[in-house]
C-alpha atoms as a PDB file:
ATOM      1  CA  MET A   1     212.890 246.386  49.743  1.00  0.00           C
ATOM      2  CA  SER A   2     211.969 242.767  50.108  1.00  0.00           C
ATOM      3  CA  GLU A   3     212.439 241.052  46.762  1.00  0.00           C
ATOM      4  CA  ALA A   4     209.704 238.509  47.503  1.00  0.00           C
ATOM      5  CA  THR A   5     206.957 241.057  48.133  1.00  0.00           C
ATOM      6  CA  GLY A   6     208.245 244.227  46.503  1.00  0.00           C
ATOM      7  CA  ARG A   7     207.454 246.045  49.777  1.00  0.00           C
ATOM      8  CA  ARG A   8     209.776 248.045  51.984  1.00  0.00           C
ATOM      9  CA  ARG A   9     210.333 246.847  55.500  1.00  0.00           C
ATOM     10  CA  HIS A  10     209.992 249.559  58.101  1.00  0.00           C
ATOM     11  CA  VAL A  11     212.423 250.290  60.882  1.00  0.00           C
ATOM     12  CA  PHE A  12     210.601 250.529  64.190  1.00  0.00           C
ATOM     13  CA  LEU A  13     212.595 253.216  65.979  1.00  0.00           C
ATOM     14  CA  ASP A  14     211.583 251.871  69.390  1.00  0.00           C
ATOM     15  CA  LYS A  15     212.965 248.430  68.509  1.00  0.00           C
ATOM     16  CA  ALA A  16     216.070 249.684  66.684  1.00  0.00           C
ATOM     17  CA  GLN A  17     217.141 251.945  69.562  1.00  0.00           C
ATOM     18  CA  PRO A  18     215.425 250.569  72.702  1.00  0.00           C
ATOM     19  CA  ALA A  19     217.500 252.623  75.164  1.00  0.00           C
ATOM     20  CA  THR A  20     216.585 255.837  73.361  1.00  0.00           C
ATOM     21  CA  TYR A  21     212.929 254.830  73.324  1.00  0.00           C
ATOM     22  CA  ARG A  22     213.052 254.020  77.057  1.00  0.00           C
ATOM     23  CA  ALA A  23     214.415 257.528  77.629  1.00  0.00           C
ATOM     24  CA  ALA A  24     211.495 258.981  75.653  1.00  0.00           C
ATOM     25  CA  ALA A  25     209.069 256.818  77.634  1.00  0.00           C
ATOM     26  CA  GLY A  26     210.694 258.086  80.831  1.00  0.00           C
ATOM     27  CA  LEU A  27     210.080 261.654  79.676  1.00  0.00           C
ATOM     28  CA  ALA A  28     206.430 260.802  79.055  1.00  0.00           C
ATOM     29  CA  GLU A  29     206.129 259.419  82.599  1.00  0.00           C
ATOM     30  CA  GLU A  30     207.677 262.601  84.040  1.00  0.00           C
ATOM     31  CA  VAL A  31     205.330 264.748  81.974  1.00  0.00           C
ATOM     32  CA  GLY A  32     202.347 262.756  83.228  1.00  0.00           C
ATOM     33  CA  ALA A  33     203.490 263.176  86.830  1.00  0.00           C
ATOM     34  CA  ALA A  34     204.010 266.921  86.297  1.00  0.00           C
ATOM     35  CA  ALA A  35     200.522 267.238  84.812  1.00  0.00           C
ATOM     36  CA  GLN A  36     199.018 265.418  87.768  1.00  0.00           C
ATOM     37  CA  ALA A  37     200.996 267.581  90.226  1.00  0.00           C
ATOM     38  CA  ALA A  38     199.738 270.705  88.420  1.00  0.00           C
ATOM     39  CA  GLY A  39     196.147 269.511  88.823  1.00  0.00           C
ATOM     40  CA  VAL A  40     195.628 268.729  85.139  1.00  0.00           C
ATOM     41  CA  ASP A  41     192.972 266.028  84.900  1.00  0.00           C
ATOM     42  CA  ARG A  42     193.909 262.780  83.127  1.00  0.00           C
ATOM     43  CA  ARG A  43     190.974 263.256  80.750  1.00  0.00           C
ATOM     44  CA  LEU A  44     192.391 266.618  79.688  1.00  0.00           C
ATOM     45  CA  VAL A  45     195.826 265.091  79.149  1.00  0.00           C
ATOM     46  CA  GLU A  46     194.241 262.496  76.865  1.00  0.00           C
ATOM     47  CA  LEU A  47     192.208 265.151  75.011  1.00  0.00           C
ATOM     48  CA  VAL A  48     195.469 266.981  74.297  1.00  0.00           C
ATOM     49  CA  ASN A  49     197.137 263.723  73.210  1.00  0.00           C
ATOM     50  CA  MET A  50     194.214 262.977  70.900  1.00  0.00           C
ATOM     51  CA  ARG A  51     194.089 266.460  69.381  1.00  0.00           C
ATOM     52  CA  VAL A  52     197.837 266.588  68.724  1.00  0.00           C
ATOM     53  CA  SER A  53     197.620 263.137  67.120  1.00  0.00           C
ATOM     54  CA  GLN A  54     194.680 264.274  64.968  1.00  0.00           C
ATOM     55  CA  VAL A  55     196.615 267.294  63.720  1.00  0.00           C
ATOM     56  CA  ASN A  56     199.658 265.130  62.971  1.00  0.00           C
ATOM     57  CA  GLY A  57     197.654 262.277  61.443  1.00  0.00           C
ATOM     58  CA  CYS A  58     199.102 259.548  63.657  1.00  0.00           C
ATOM     59  CA  ALA A  59     196.708 256.604  63.472  1.00  0.00           C
ATOM     60  CA  TYR A  60     198.647 254.485  65.969  1.00  0.00           C
ATOM     61  CA  CYS A  61     198.605 257.203  68.644  1.00  0.00           C
ATOM     62  CA  LEU A  62     194.961 258.060  67.954  1.00  0.00           C
ATOM     63  CA  ASP A  63     194.001 254.447  68.549  1.00  0.00           C
ATOM     64  CA  LEU A  64     196.086 254.174  71.722  1.00  0.00           C
ATOM     65  CA  HIS A  65     194.981 257.479  73.259  1.00  0.00           C
ATOM     66  CA  ARG A  66     191.308 256.975  72.407  1.00  0.00           C
ATOM     67  CA  LYS A  67     191.403 253.857  74.569  1.00  0.00           C
ATOM     68  CA  ARG A  68     193.217 255.738  77.331  1.00  0.00           C
ATOM     69  CA  ALA A  69     190.766 258.644  77.132  1.00  0.00           C
ATOM     70  CA  ILE A  70     187.806 256.290  77.514  1.00  0.00           C
ATOM     71  CA  GLU A  71     189.535 254.596  80.468  1.00  0.00           C
ATOM     72  CA  ALA A  72     190.003 258.050  82.029  1.00  0.00           C
ATOM     73  CA  GLY A  73     186.264 258.686  81.717  1.00  0.00           C
ATOM     74  CA  GLU A  74     186.046 260.585  78.444  1.00  0.00           C
ATOM     75  CA  SER A  75     182.874 260.187  76.375  1.00  0.00           C
ATOM     76  CA  ASP A  76     182.671 258.844  72.832  1.00  0.00           C
ATOM     77  CA  ARG A  77     180.579 261.875  71.919  1.00  0.00           C
ATOM     78  CA  ARG A  78     183.271 264.390  72.854  1.00  0.00           C
ATOM     79  CA  LEU A  79     185.981 262.305  71.193  1.00  0.00           C
ATOM     80  CA  ALA A  80     183.874 262.144  68.031  1.00  0.00           C
ATOM     81  CA  VAL A  81     183.740 265.950  67.771  1.00  0.00           C
ATOM     82  CA  LEU A  82     187.220 266.703  69.098  1.00  0.00           C
ATOM     83  CA  SER A  83     188.550 267.682  65.664  1.00  0.00           C
ATOM     84  CA  ALA A  84     185.860 270.419  65.617  1.00  0.00           C
ATOM     85  CA  TRP A  85     186.120 271.372  69.299  1.00  0.00           C
ATOM     86  CA  GLU A  86     185.925 275.097  68.499  1.00  0.00           C
ATOM     87  CA  ASP A  87     182.504 274.619  66.892  1.00  0.00           C
ATOM     88  CA  THR A  88     180.853 273.044  69.944  1.00  0.00           C
ATOM     89  CA  ASP A  89     180.092 274.029  73.499  1.00  0.00           C
ATOM     90  CA  LEU A  90     180.985 270.559  74.802  1.00  0.00           C
ATOM     91  CA  PHE A  91     184.400 271.616  76.119  1.00  0.00           C
ATOM     92  CA  SER A  92     185.079 273.720  79.203  1.00  0.00           C
ATOM     93  CA  GLU A  93     187.054 276.945  79.137  1.00  0.00           C
ATOM     94  CA  GLN A  94     190.063 275.083  80.577  1.00  0.00           C
ATOM     95  CA  GLU A  95     189.802 272.354  77.927  1.00  0.00           C
ATOM     96  CA  GLN A  96     189.471 274.927  75.146  1.00  0.00           C
ATOM     97  CA  ALA A  97     192.545 276.801  76.374  1.00  0.00           C
ATOM     98  CA  ALA A  98     194.548 273.561  76.558  1.00  0.00           C
ATOM     99  CA  LEU A  99     193.419 272.437  73.099  1.00  0.00           C
ATOM    100  CA  GLN A 100     194.231 275.840  71.590  1.00  0.00           C
ATOM    101  CA  LEU A 101     197.681 275.735  73.186  1.00  0.00           C
ATOM    102  CA  ALA A 102     198.280 272.161  71.984  1.00  0.00           C
ATOM    103  CA  GLU A 103     197.321 273.096  68.425  1.00  0.00           C
ATOM    104  CA  SER A 104     199.602 276.125  68.521  1.00  0.00           C
ATOM    105  CA  ILE A 105     202.533 274.025  69.732  1.00  0.00           C
ATOM    106  CA  THR A 106     201.820 271.411  67.062  1.00  0.00           C
ATOM    107  CA  ARG A 107     201.239 273.719  64.100  1.00  0.00           C
ATOM    108  CA  LEU A 108     203.700 276.478  65.103  1.00  0.00           C
ATOM    109  CA  PRO A 109     201.753 279.362  63.561  1.00  0.00           C
ATOM    110  CA  GLU A 110     203.094 282.894  63.167  1.00  0.00           C
ATOM    111  CA  GLU A 111     204.350 284.558  66.345  1.00  0.00           C
ATOM    112  CA  ALA A 112     201.261 286.717  66.958  1.00  0.00           C
ATOM    113  CA  GLU A 113     198.932 283.711  66.825  1.00  0.00           C
ATOM    114  CA  ARG A 114     201.299 281.688  69.038  1.00  0.00           C
ATOM    115  CA  ARG A 115     201.493 284.475  71.607  1.00  0.00           C
ATOM    116  CA  TYR A 116     197.711 284.821  71.633  1.00  0.00           C
ATOM    117  CA  ALA A 117     197.243 281.081  72.271  1.00  0.00           C
ATOM    118  CA  GLU A 118     199.908 281.133  74.973  1.00  0.00           C
ATOM    119  CA  ASP A 119     198.491 284.224  76.693  1.00  0.00           C
ATOM    120  CA  GLU A 120     194.960 282.834  76.628  1.00  0.00           C
ATOM    121  CA  ALA A 121     196.085 279.479  77.985  1.00  0.00           C
ATOM    122  CA  ARG A 122     198.134 281.059  80.783  1.00  0.00           C
ATOM    123  CA  ALA A 123     195.222 283.285  81.771  1.00  0.00           C
ATOM    124  CA  VAL A 124     192.858 280.317  82.022  1.00  0.00           C
ATOM    125  CA  LEU A 125     195.184 277.546  83.200  1.00  0.00           C
ATOM    126  CA  GLY A 126     197.756 279.407  85.291  1.00  0.00           C
ATOM    127  CA  ASP A 127     201.479 279.025  84.833  1.00  0.00           C
ATOM    128  CA  GLU A 128     201.902 275.558  86.352  1.00  0.00           C
ATOM    129  CA  ALA A 129     199.094 273.915  84.374  1.00  0.00           C
ATOM    130  CA  PHE A 130     200.150 275.871  81.260  1.00  0.00           C
ATOM    131  CA  ALA A 131     203.643 274.382  81.508  1.00  0.00           C
ATOM    132  CA  ALA A 132     202.256 270.899  82.121  1.00  0.00           C
ATOM    133  CA  VAL A 133     199.896 271.051  79.127  1.00  0.00           C
ATOM    134  CA  ALA A 134     202.688 272.461  76.947  1.00  0.00           C
ATOM    135  CA  TRP A 135     204.930 269.533  77.921  1.00  0.00           C
ATOM    136  CA  VAL A 136     202.105 267.075  77.152  1.00  0.00           C
ATOM    137  CA  ALA A 137     201.763 268.569  73.665  1.00  0.00           C
ATOM    138  CA  VAL A 138     205.526 268.648  73.034  1.00  0.00           C
ATOM    139  CA  THR A 139     205.909 265.036  74.173  1.00  0.00           C
ATOM    140  CA  MET A 140     202.904 263.822  72.161  1.00  0.00           C
ATOM    141  CA  ASN A 141     204.356 265.482  69.068  1.00  0.00           C
ATOM    142  CA  ALA A 142     207.580 263.536  69.623  1.00  0.00           C
ATOM    143  CA  PHE A 143     205.721 260.232  70.010  1.00  0.00           C
ATOM    144  CA  ASN A 144     203.636 260.969  66.905  1.00  0.00           C
ATOM    145  CA  ARG A 145     206.827 261.375  64.934  1.00  0.00           C
ATOM    146  CA  ILE A 146     208.275 258.165  66.364  1.00  0.00           C
ATOM    147  CA  SER A 147     205.150 256.209  65.388  1.00  0.00           C
ATOM    148  CA  ILE A 148     204.703 257.840  61.991  1.00  0.00           C
ATOM    149  CA  THR A 149     208.355 257.333  61.052  1.00  0.00           C
ATOM    150  CA  SER A 150     208.233 253.746  62.313  1.00  0.00           C
ATOM    151  CA  HIS A 151     204.961 253.042  60.486  1.00  0.00           C
ATOM    152  CA  HIS A 152     203.561 251.517  63.676  1.00  0.00           C
ATOM    153  CA  PRO A 153     200.461 249.553  62.677  1.00  0.00           C
ATOM    154  CA  VAL A 154     197.058 249.934  64.302  1.00  0.00           C
ATOM    155  CA  ARG A 155     196.106 246.483  65.517  1.00  0.00           C
END
């Protein structure tokens, strides 16, 4: 705690261990390349990143990936209702399968619910895109935890 302000200073994990963070960033690049190779659209990758960040409550990542989603061609309207994606018909079958899979990976529900989400996603996406979307969700979860633990500010 800083005696002058009475506030705790945060440790930014990316700054404290830059080599480890570079390794994580390298993983994210590989995951992005795998998604592209599997034919997963950049907009869908960003929808998954946004939804995982919503579930985890990571303000920093939400801010960053909203910008990236818009740059990839996503609409403000769909981003505004993403947290209620199941209650709209604005998302394609592929997007719904990917979002359901991402939520399952993030929340880790009971096995039956996990298997259902996985089976549905594989049926819609195919194995290669399923694996790519799963890696996007796993990686986004890791980056959410890095940012949340670091208390990265939204600027």
